[in-house]
Amino acid sequence: MFRALASASAALGPQAAGWARTMASHQLLVAPPEALLKPLTVPSRLLLGPGPANLNPRTQAAGALQMIGHMHKEMYQIMDEIKQGIQYVFQTKNPLTLAISGSGHCALEAALFNILERGDSFLVGVNGIWGQRAADIGERIAPDPMVPGGHTPLSLPLPPGARVHPMVKEPGGYYTLQEVEEGLAQHKPELLFLTQGESSSGVLQPLDGYGELCHRHECLLLVDSVASLGGAPIFMDLQGSQKVLNAPPGTSLISFSDKARSKIYARKTKPVSFYLDIKWLANFWGCDDKPRIYHHTTPVIGLYTLRESLALIAEQGLEESWRLHREATAYLHGRLQGLGLQLFVKDPALRLPTVTTVATPAGYDWRDIVKYVMDHFDIEITGGLGPSVGKVLRIGLLGCNATHKNVDRWSFLERTQIHNPKVPAFWDIQ
């Protein structure tokens, strides 16, 4: 075989050299971008929005480590340690636990693409943008357009994907056990979606009793805890990346119970995404006790930083992390209310301890406030998202940013004599 390749190479030698000379004779049509000939500069900002948050120095240092191969034994060891860390923060012993190479949206799609099949009933709590996104993704699980004979007539009406049943509430609302049970009885879904930390509205959805309720109705429970994990308790075995974990965006955590795994492995059809096919990912992450097979090239540096962020929260302890977020956010609430600002979520028990929503002060445009704080103080806060746009300002205390010191750095918490007509007076700096 090698002799044949060598002979072919020798025969093509003059012709290949001619091709190279021809290509080299062409002038470049695009010049090197001037912007890329300058050093990269990044501003130093305090990120007090709903995420991402500032990195712990140790996590940041992990991102500067040397690259290794994504299938090296040392990388597999790091992946195994990440799995253990995810089991810890989720408080689960599920073997099918791993990190998705992608943002939280990727994890949501991975869950829905693998659990739901065409025609499955899907009950969705829509009390903010994340419920809206879950419903949208469910509707995209479309049927195979191919009909017998291999034809795909464009005029053929296609049936819907999953049968999505939204339970819609205004921003600030949450779901009671009674409301959920009524939805389960009416729609008999294979899957129920709830958002534990609805960062668009600042609501913390209670979870106690919902897993047992779904068990009685033979329904799987999918919980989005992106904005609450590490900041609020979640016990996956009892109840059913970029945020509190202070890891860079680009990886997301996911875990499947044995019942969810059984449904995935009993599918009649392949998931609509190869990249997010949990059977492949389970093997690549060493969750199926079989030799690992290449699936995709993982974000090696991103996994370094994820591993370190999980290590930091393991060293700190979940209970301590929950306490620090609870206390820092309570301190922020007190300062805000002392200025006469209104917290958007009225019931203190339903306030998300990581992202606080403040009702936009009457007579002001939230865009002006957000821009003013960024331009003058290099502090990020944000407005609403999805159904909460125009209604709230969002302030995040996530991970290592959840400190009294960061609350005190908010210069708007001190009344001053300087006044900007577009911004409330108490948001100005002395």
Protein backbone atom coordinates (compact mmCIF):
# COMPACT_ATOMS: atom_id res chain seq x y z
CA MET A 1 0.00 0.00 0.00
CA PHE A 2 2.78 2.41 0.92
CA ARG A 3 4.61 1.61 -2.35
CA ALA A 4 1.43 2.48 -4.27
CA LEU A 5 1.10 5.81 -2.47
CA ALA A 6 4.74 6.60 -3.10
CA SER A 7 4.39 5.77 -6.81
CA ALA A 8 1.27 7.94 -7.12
CA SER A 9 3.00 10.79 -5.34
CA ALA A 10 5.98 10.58 -7.65
CA ALA A 11 3.74 10.51 -10.73
CA LEU A 12 1.80 13.58 -9.59
CA GLY A 13 4.91 15.44 -8.45
CA PRO A 14 5.36 17.81 -11.44
CA GLN A 15 1.62 18.39 -11.76
CA ALA A 16 1.23 19.15 -8.06
CA ALA A 17 4.16 21.55 -8.15
CA GLY A 18 2.50 23.34 -11.05
CA TRP A 19 -0.70 23.71 -9.09
CA ALA A 20 1.22 25.18 -6.16
CA ARG A 21 3.01 27.71 -8.43
CA THR A 22 -0.29 28.72 -10.03
CA MET A 23 -1.95 29.31 -6.67
CA ALA A 24 1.05 31.23 -5.34
CA SER A 25 0.99 33.56 -8.34
CA HIS A 26 -2.41 34.98 -7.37
CA GLN A 27 -2.45 38.20 -5.38
CA LEU A 28 -4.32 38.21 -2.07
CA LEU A 29 -7.77 39.73 -2.38
CA VAL A 30 -8.23 40.39 1.35
CA ALA A 31 -5.60 42.24 3.37
CA PRO A 32 -4.81 41.32 6.98
CA PRO A 33 -7.41 43.07 9.18
CA GLU A 34 -5.86 46.08 10.90
CA ALA A 35 -7.76 45.32 14.09
CA LEU A 36 -6.01 41.96 14.37
CA LEU A 37 -2.59 43.57 14.13
CA LYS A 38 -3.15 45.27 17.48
CA PRO A 39 -3.02 43.67 20.95
CA LEU A 40 -6.28 42.36 22.38
CA THR A 41 -7.67 44.64 25.07
CA VAL A 42 -10.55 43.76 27.38
CA PRO A 43 -12.09 46.20 29.90
CA SER A 44 -12.09 45.40 33.60
CA ARG A 45 -15.72 45.25 34.72
CA LEU A 46 -17.74 44.03 37.65
CA LEU A 47 -20.33 41.70 36.14
CA LEU A 48 -23.41 41.99 38.32
CA GLY A 49 -25.90 40.87 35.70
CA PRO A 50 -27.62 37.49 35.44
CA GLY A 51 -24.48 35.86 33.99
CA PRO A 52 -21.80 35.31 33.07
CA ALA A 53 -20.04 36.46 36.21
CA ASN A 54 -16.44 37.36 37.01
CA LEU A 55 -14.08 34.39 37.29
CA ASN A 56 -12.31 33.25 40.41
CA PRO A 57 -8.54 33.76 39.83
CA ARG A 58 -7.97 30.02 40.15
CA THR A 59 -10.51 29.28 37.42
CA GLN A 60 -8.99 31.97 35.24
CA ALA A 61 -5.55 30.45 35.72
CA ALA A 62 -6.86 27.05 34.64
CA GLY A 63 -7.80 28.60 31.30
CA ALA A 64 -4.14 29.43 30.70
CA LEU A 65 -2.91 25.83 31.07
CA GLN A 66 -1.39 24.03 28.12
CA MET A 67 -3.65 22.16 25.72
CA ILE A 68 -3.75 18.36 25.73
CA GLY A 69 -5.59 16.00 23.42
CA HIS A 70 -9.30 15.56 24.01
CA MET A 71 -8.86 11.76 24.04
CA HIS A 72 -5.71 11.59 26.14
CA LYS A 73 -5.96 9.53 29.33
CA GLU A 74 -5.32 12.68 31.36
CA MET A 75 -8.31 14.34 29.70
CA TYR A 76 -10.50 11.35 30.50
CA GLN A 77 -9.41 11.72 34.14
CA ILE A 78 -10.44 15.38 34.11
CA MET A 79 -13.80 14.42 32.57
CA ASP A 80 -14.32 11.79 35.29
CA GLU A 81 -13.60 14.40 37.97
CA ILE A 82 -16.08 16.78 36.32
CA LYS A 83 -18.75 14.07 36.43
CA GLN A 84 -18.17 13.62 40.15
CA GLY A 85 -18.42 17.37 40.66
CA ILE A 86 -21.69 17.54 38.73
CA GLN A 87 -23.10 14.69 40.83
CA TYR A 88 -22.15 16.68 43.92
CA VAL A 89 -23.78 19.97 42.91
CA PHE A 90 -26.92 18.16 41.69
CA GLN A 91 -26.84 15.89 44.76
CA THR A 92 -27.37 12.79 42.63
CA LYS A 93 -25.80 9.39 42.10
CA ASN A 94 -27.06 9.14 38.51
CA PRO A 95 -24.41 7.36 36.39
CA LEU A 96 -25.62 9.24 33.29
CA THR A 97 -24.15 12.59 34.32
CA LEU A 98 -21.95 14.72 32.08
CA ALA A 99 -21.16 18.15 30.66
CA ILE A 100 -22.47 19.30 27.28
CA SER A 101 -20.08 21.15 24.95
CA GLY A 102 -22.29 24.20 24.62
CA SER A 103 -24.24 26.78 26.59
CA GLY A 104 -27.33 26.12 28.70
CA HIS A 105 -29.45 26.15 25.55
CA CYS A 106 -27.47 23.11 24.35
CA ALA A 107 -28.24 21.22 27.55
CA LEU A 108 -31.93 22.08 27.20
CA GLU A 109 -31.97 20.87 23.62
CA ALA A 110 -30.05 17.73 24.60
CA ALA A 111 -32.66 16.88 27.22
CA LEU A 112 -35.66 17.55 24.97
CA PHE A 113 -34.22 16.05 21.78
CA ASN A 114 -33.37 12.81 23.57
CA ILE A 115 -36.41 12.37 25.81
CA LEU A 116 -39.22 13.56 23.54
CA GLU A 117 -40.29 11.76 20.41
CA ARG A 118 -42.80 12.86 17.80
CA GLY A 119 -46.26 12.95 19.26
CA ASP A 120 -45.15 12.87 22.90
CA SER A 121 -47.09 15.13 25.25
CA PHE A 122 -44.94 17.86 26.81
CA LEU A 123 -46.22 20.04 29.69
CA VAL A 124 -44.26 23.29 30.05
CA GLY A 125 -44.30 25.85 32.82
CA VAL A 126 -43.97 29.17 30.96
CA ASN A 127 -43.48 31.89 33.57
CA GLY A 128 -40.51 33.51 31.86
CA ILE A 129 -38.19 33.22 28.90
CA TRP A 130 -36.82 29.77 29.72
CA GLY A 131 -40.24 28.17 29.62
CA GLN A 132 -40.82 29.96 26.32
CA ARG A 133 -37.60 28.52 24.95
CA ALA A 134 -38.41 25.00 26.16
CA ALA A 135 -41.82 25.14 24.45
CA ASP A 136 -40.23 26.46 21.25
CA ILE A 137 -37.66 23.64 21.20
CA GLY A 138 -40.37 21.05 21.82
CA GLU A 139 -42.33 22.28 18.82
CA ARG A 140 -39.22 21.91 16.64
CA ILE A 141 -39.00 18.16 17.19
CA ALA A 142 -40.53 17.65 13.76
CA PRO A 143 -41.47 14.39 12.08
CA ASP A 144 -39.45 12.82 9.31
CA PRO A 145 -40.66 14.45 6.07
CA MET A 146 -39.79 11.40 4.00
CA VAL A 147 -42.79 9.38 2.83
CA PRO A 148 -42.85 5.87 1.34
CA GLY A 149 -40.93 5.82 -1.90
CA GLY A 150 -38.39 8.36 -0.67
CA HIS A 151 -40.30 11.41 -1.92
CA THR A 152 -40.67 14.63 0.02
CA PRO A 153 -43.63 16.53 -1.44
CA LEU A 154 -43.42 20.12 -0.32
CA SER A 155 -47.20 20.42 -0.35
CA LEU A 156 -47.62 17.59 2.16
CA PRO A 157 -48.70 19.09 5.51
CA LEU A 158 -46.46 17.82 8.28
CA PRO A 159 -47.88 16.93 11.70
CA PRO A 160 -46.42 18.77 14.69
CA GLY A 161 -43.44 17.55 16.68
CA ALA A 162 -44.00 17.05 20.39
CA ARG A 163 -47.49 18.03 21.56
CA VAL A 164 -46.59 21.06 23.65
CA HIS A 165 -48.97 22.23 26.37
CA PRO A 166 -47.83 25.55 27.89
CA MET A 167 -48.98 26.59 31.36
CA VAL A 168 -48.56 30.34 30.97
CA LYS A 169 -48.14 32.76 33.85
CA GLU A 170 -47.15 36.40 33.94
CA PRO A 171 -43.53 37.18 34.93
CA GLY A 172 -43.23 36.86 38.70
CA GLY A 173 -45.59 33.90 38.91
CA TYR A 174 -44.81 30.34 39.99
CA TYR A 175 -46.57 26.95 39.91
CA THR A 176 -48.34 25.32 42.82
CA LEU A 177 -48.61 21.57 43.24
CA GLN A 178 -52.33 21.78 42.56
CA GLU A 179 -51.83 23.64 39.28
CA VAL A 180 -49.24 21.17 38.10
CA GLU A 181 -51.36 18.18 39.08
CA GLU A 182 -54.29 19.57 37.10
CA GLY A 183 -52.04 19.91 34.05
CA LEU A 184 -50.69 16.38 34.49
CA ALA A 185 -54.19 14.94 34.76
CA GLN A 186 -55.45 16.84 31.72
CA HIS A 187 -52.57 16.36 29.29
CA LYS A 188 -50.97 13.12 30.55
CA PRO A 189 -47.48 14.24 29.48
CA GLU A 190 -44.35 12.15 29.14
CA LEU A 191 -42.37 15.15 30.38
CA LEU A 192 -42.94 18.20 32.61
CA PHE A 193 -40.60 21.20 32.41
CA LEU A 194 -40.12 23.68 35.26
CA THR A 195 -37.51 26.40 35.73
CA GLN A 196 -36.10 26.45 39.25
CA GLY A 197 -34.29 29.76 38.79
CA GLU A 198 -36.23 31.94 36.34
CA SER A 199 -33.57 34.59 35.83
CA SER A 200 -35.76 36.72 33.57
CA SER A 201 -38.17 37.44 36.42
CA GLY A 202 -36.17 36.60 39.56
CA VAL A 203 -38.47 33.77 40.69
CA LEU A 204 -37.33 30.71 42.63
CA GLN A 205 -39.74 27.88 41.80
CA PRO A 206 -40.35 25.51 44.75
CA LEU A 207 -39.56 21.89 43.90
CA ASP A 208 -40.53 19.91 47.00
CA GLY A 209 -43.26 17.41 46.14
CA TYR A 210 -43.13 17.89 42.37
CA GLY A 211 -40.97 14.81 41.75
CA GLU A 212 -43.35 12.63 43.75
CA LEU A 213 -46.29 14.14 41.87
CA CYS A 214 -44.70 13.31 38.51
CA HIS A 215 -43.95 9.78 39.72
CA ARG A 216 -47.62 9.23 40.51
CA HIS A 217 -48.57 10.41 37.02
CA GLU A 218 -45.79 8.40 35.32
CA CYS A 219 -44.18 11.57 33.99
CA LEU A 220 -40.55 12.60 33.86
CA LEU A 221 -39.56 15.95 35.40
CA LEU A 222 -37.04 18.25 33.67
CA VAL A 223 -35.73 21.12 35.83
CA ASP A 224 -33.74 24.06 34.47
CA SER A 225 -31.39 25.09 37.29
CA VAL A 226 -28.89 27.12 35.24
CA ALA A 227 -29.40 30.31 37.27
CA SER A 228 -29.88 28.64 40.65
CA LEU A 229 -27.38 25.76 40.82
CA GLY A 230 -24.95 26.38 43.66
CA GLY A 231 -26.99 29.32 44.92
CA ALA A 232 -30.16 27.51 45.95
CA PRO A 233 -30.64 23.92 47.17
CA ILE A 234 -31.49 21.24 44.65
CA PHE A 235 -31.58 17.54 45.54
CA MET A 236 -32.05 15.73 42.26
CA ASP A 237 -32.39 12.25 43.75
CA LEU A 238 -35.04 13.53 46.16
CA GLN A 239 -36.76 16.14 43.99
CA GLY A 240 -36.52 14.72 40.63
CA SER A 241 -22.12 26.49 34.01
CA GLN A 242 -21.42 30.27 33.75
CA LYS A 243 -23.48 31.30 36.67
CA VAL A 244 -22.83 30.51 40.33
CA LEU A 245 -20.08 28.08 39.31
CA ASN A 246 -18.15 31.04 37.84
CA ALA A 247 -17.04 29.01 34.82
CA PRO A 248 -16.75 30.61 31.39
CA PRO A 249 -19.78 30.15 29.12
CA GLY A 250 -19.54 27.21 26.74
CA THR A 251 -20.18 24.15 28.90
CA SER A 252 -23.39 23.07 30.65
CA LEU A 253 -24.22 20.39 33.17
CA ILE A 254 -26.82 17.66 32.76
CA SER A 255 -27.89 14.50 34.55
CA PHE A 256 -30.49 11.85 33.72
CA SER A 257 -32.26 9.54 36.17
CA ASP A 258 -32.49 5.82 35.48
CA LYS A 259 -36.08 6.29 34.27
CA ALA A 260 -35.05 9.05 31.88
CA ARG A 261 -32.17 6.89 30.67
CA SER A 262 -34.54 3.99 30.02
CA LYS A 263 -36.79 6.18 27.90
CA ILE A 264 -33.83 7.48 25.91
CA TYR A 265 -32.45 4.00 25.24
CA ALA A 266 -35.89 2.69 24.26
CA ARG A 267 -36.49 5.33 21.58
CA LYS A 268 -38.07 4.18 18.34
CA THR A 269 -36.23 6.85 16.34
CA LYS A 270 -32.88 8.57 16.53
CA PRO A 271 -32.74 12.00 18.20
CA VAL A 272 -32.89 14.84 15.70
CA SER A 273 -29.34 15.94 16.64
CA PHE A 274 -26.25 13.76 16.30
CA TYR A 275 -24.15 16.28 18.22
CA LEU A 276 -26.51 16.05 21.22
CA ASP A 277 -27.26 12.31 21.01
CA ILE A 278 -27.01 11.23 24.63
CA LYS A 279 -26.13 7.62 23.76
CA TRP A 280 -23.01 8.85 22.01
CA LEU A 281 -22.24 11.40 24.71
CA ALA A 282 -22.76 8.85 27.48
CA ASN A 283 -20.14 6.64 25.90
CA PHE A 284 -17.70 9.49 25.33
CA TRP A 285 -18.04 10.58 28.95
CA GLY A 286 -17.55 7.04 30.25
CA CYS A 287 -21.11 6.64 31.52
CA ASP A 288 -21.87 3.25 29.91
CA ASP A 289 -18.87 1.15 31.03
CA LYS A 290 -17.82 0.59 27.40
CA PRO A 291 -14.62 1.65 25.61
CA ARG A 292 -14.87 5.32 24.72
CA ILE A 293 -15.45 6.15 21.05
CA TYR A 294 -14.75 9.53 19.49
CA HIS A 295 -17.86 11.68 19.18
CA HIS A 296 -16.67 15.28 18.96
CA THR A 297 -13.70 17.40 19.96
CA THR A 298 -14.51 18.75 23.39
CA PRO A 299 -13.57 22.30 24.49
CA VAL A 300 -10.48 21.15 26.38
CA ILE A 301 -9.64 24.52 27.95
CA GLY A 302 -13.29 25.06 28.86
CA LEU A 303 -13.30 21.71 30.66
CA TYR A 304 -10.18 22.74 32.62
CA THR A 305 -12.03 25.79 33.91
CA LEU A 306 -15.23 23.84 34.59
CA ARG A 307 -13.25 21.31 36.61
CA GLU A 308 -11.70 24.08 38.71
CA SER A 309 -15.02 25.83 39.28
CA LEU A 310 -16.52 22.55 40.51
CA ALA A 311 -13.45 21.99 42.70
CA LEU A 312 -13.90 25.42 44.29
CA ILE A 313 -17.52 24.81 45.20
CA ALA A 314 -16.65 21.33 46.51
CA GLU A 315 -13.98 22.85 48.75
CA GLN A 316 -16.34 25.57 49.92
CA GLY A 317 -19.26 23.19 50.43
CA LEU A 318 -22.74 23.51 48.98
CA GLU A 319 -24.31 24.53 52.28
CA GLU A 320 -21.82 27.37 52.65
CA SER A 321 -22.40 28.48 49.05
CA TRP A 322 -26.16 28.54 49.60
CA ARG A 323 -25.69 30.55 52.81
CA LEU A 324 -23.41 33.14 51.22
CA HIS A 325 -25.79 33.73 48.33
CA ARG A 326 -28.78 33.98 50.64
CA GLU A 327 -27.07 36.49 52.94
CA ALA A 328 -25.52 38.65 50.20
CA THR A 329 -28.83 38.88 48.36
CA ALA A 330 -30.75 39.70 51.54
CA TYR A 331 -28.24 42.51 52.14
CA LEU A 332 -28.80 43.79 48.60
CA HIS A 333 -32.58 43.66 49.06
CA GLY A 334 -32.33 45.71 52.23
CA ARG A 335 -30.23 48.39 50.55
CA LEU A 336 -32.55 48.58 47.55
CA GLN A 337 -35.68 48.80 49.66
CA GLY A 338 -34.04 51.43 51.84
CA LEU A 339 -33.91 53.62 48.75
CA GLY A 340 -37.60 53.15 48.10
CA LEU A 341 -37.09 50.78 45.16
CA GLN A 342 -39.61 47.98 44.71
CA LEU A 343 -38.54 44.36 44.42
CA PHE A 344 -40.41 42.72 41.55
CA VAL A 345 -41.07 39.42 43.34
CA LYS A 346 -43.28 40.25 46.31
CA ASP A 347 -42.99 37.01 48.31
CA PRO A 348 -39.50 36.77 49.90
CA ALA A 349 -39.71 32.96 49.81
CA LEU A 350 -40.00 33.04 46.01
CA ARG A 351 -37.07 35.40 45.36
CA LEU A 352 -34.16 33.84 43.50
CA PRO A 353 -31.03 34.19 45.70
CA THR A 354 -28.76 34.71 42.69
CA VAL A 355 -30.61 37.20 40.47
CA THR A 356 -32.65 40.06 41.96
CA THR A 357 -35.31 41.82 39.91
CA VAL A 358 -36.17 45.43 40.67
CA ALA A 359 -39.27 47.08 39.22
CA THR A 360 -38.07 49.72 36.75
CA PRO A 361 -38.57 53.13 38.43
CA ALA A 362 -41.57 54.96 37.00
CA GLY A 363 -40.71 57.59 34.44
CA TYR A 364 -37.32 56.13 33.53
CA ASP A 365 -36.13 54.05 30.61
CA TRP A 366 -34.28 50.94 31.80
CA ARG A 367 -31.82 51.30 28.89
CA ASP A 368 -30.66 54.67 30.19
CA ILE A 369 -30.05 53.25 33.66
CA VAL A 370 -28.12 50.21 32.41
CA LYS A 371 -26.00 52.36 30.08
CA TYR A 372 -25.29 54.95 32.75
CA VAL A 373 -24.08 52.38 35.28
CA MET A 374 -21.88 50.69 32.66
CA ASP A 375 -20.42 53.93 31.23
CA HIS A 376 -19.70 55.60 34.56
CA PHE A 377 -18.82 52.72 36.89
CA ASP A 378 -17.86 49.74 34.67
CA ILE A 379 -20.56 47.70 36.40
CA GLU A 380 -22.92 45.49 34.41
CA ILE A 381 -26.57 45.19 35.28
CA THR A 382 -29.26 44.32 32.76
CA GLY A 383 -32.89 44.90 31.94
CA GLY A 384 -35.55 42.27 31.58
CA LEU A 385 -35.53 39.39 29.14
CA GLY A 386 -38.40 38.03 27.08
CA PRO A 387 -41.71 38.73 28.83
CA SER A 388 -40.03 40.84 31.54
CA VAL A 389 -38.46 43.38 29.14
CA GLY A 390 -39.29 46.92 30.25
CA LYS A 391 -40.61 45.72 33.59
CA VAL A 392 -37.46 45.01 35.58
CA LEU A 393 -33.79 45.64 36.13
CA ARG A 394 -31.78 42.53 36.95
CA ILE A 395 -28.91 42.45 39.44
CA GLY A 396 -26.88 39.26 39.83
CA LEU A 397 -24.77 38.14 42.77
CA LEU A 398 -23.28 34.95 41.37
CA GLY A 399 -20.56 32.77 42.86
CA CYS A 400 -17.52 34.75 43.97
CA ASN A 401 -19.41 37.96 43.18
CA ALA A 402 -21.93 37.24 45.96
CA THR A 403 -20.34 39.48 48.61
CA HIS A 404 -21.35 42.43 50.75
CA LYS A 405 -18.34 44.27 49.32
CA ASN A 406 -19.77 44.07 45.81
CA VAL A 407 -23.14 45.31 47.04
CA ASP A 408 -21.37 48.24 48.68
CA ARG A 409 -19.56 49.01 45.41
CA TRP A 410 -22.88 49.99 43.94
CA SER A 411 -22.40 53.72 43.95
CA PHE A 412 -26.08 54.17 43.20
CA LEU A 413 -26.84 53.01 46.73
CA GLU A 414 -25.67 56.38 48.08
CA ARG A 415 -27.81 59.47 47.60
CA THR A 416 -25.93 62.32 45.99
CA GLN A 417 -26.47 65.85 44.82
CA ILE A 418 -25.41 65.08 41.24
CA HIS A 419 -28.39 64.52 39.00
CA ASN A 420 -28.73 63.01 35.55
CA PRO A 421 -32.18 63.66 34.09
CA LYS A 422 -32.28 60.15 32.60
CA VAL A 423 -31.26 58.33 35.78
CA PRO A 424 -32.74 58.42 39.30
CA ALA A 425 -30.68 60.66 41.58
CA PHE A 426 -29.76 57.81 43.93
CA TRP A 427 -28.00 56.01 41.05
CA ASP A 428 -25.38 58.76 40.71
CA ILE A 429 -21.92 58.76 42.19
CA GLN A 430 -20.44 61.28 44.57
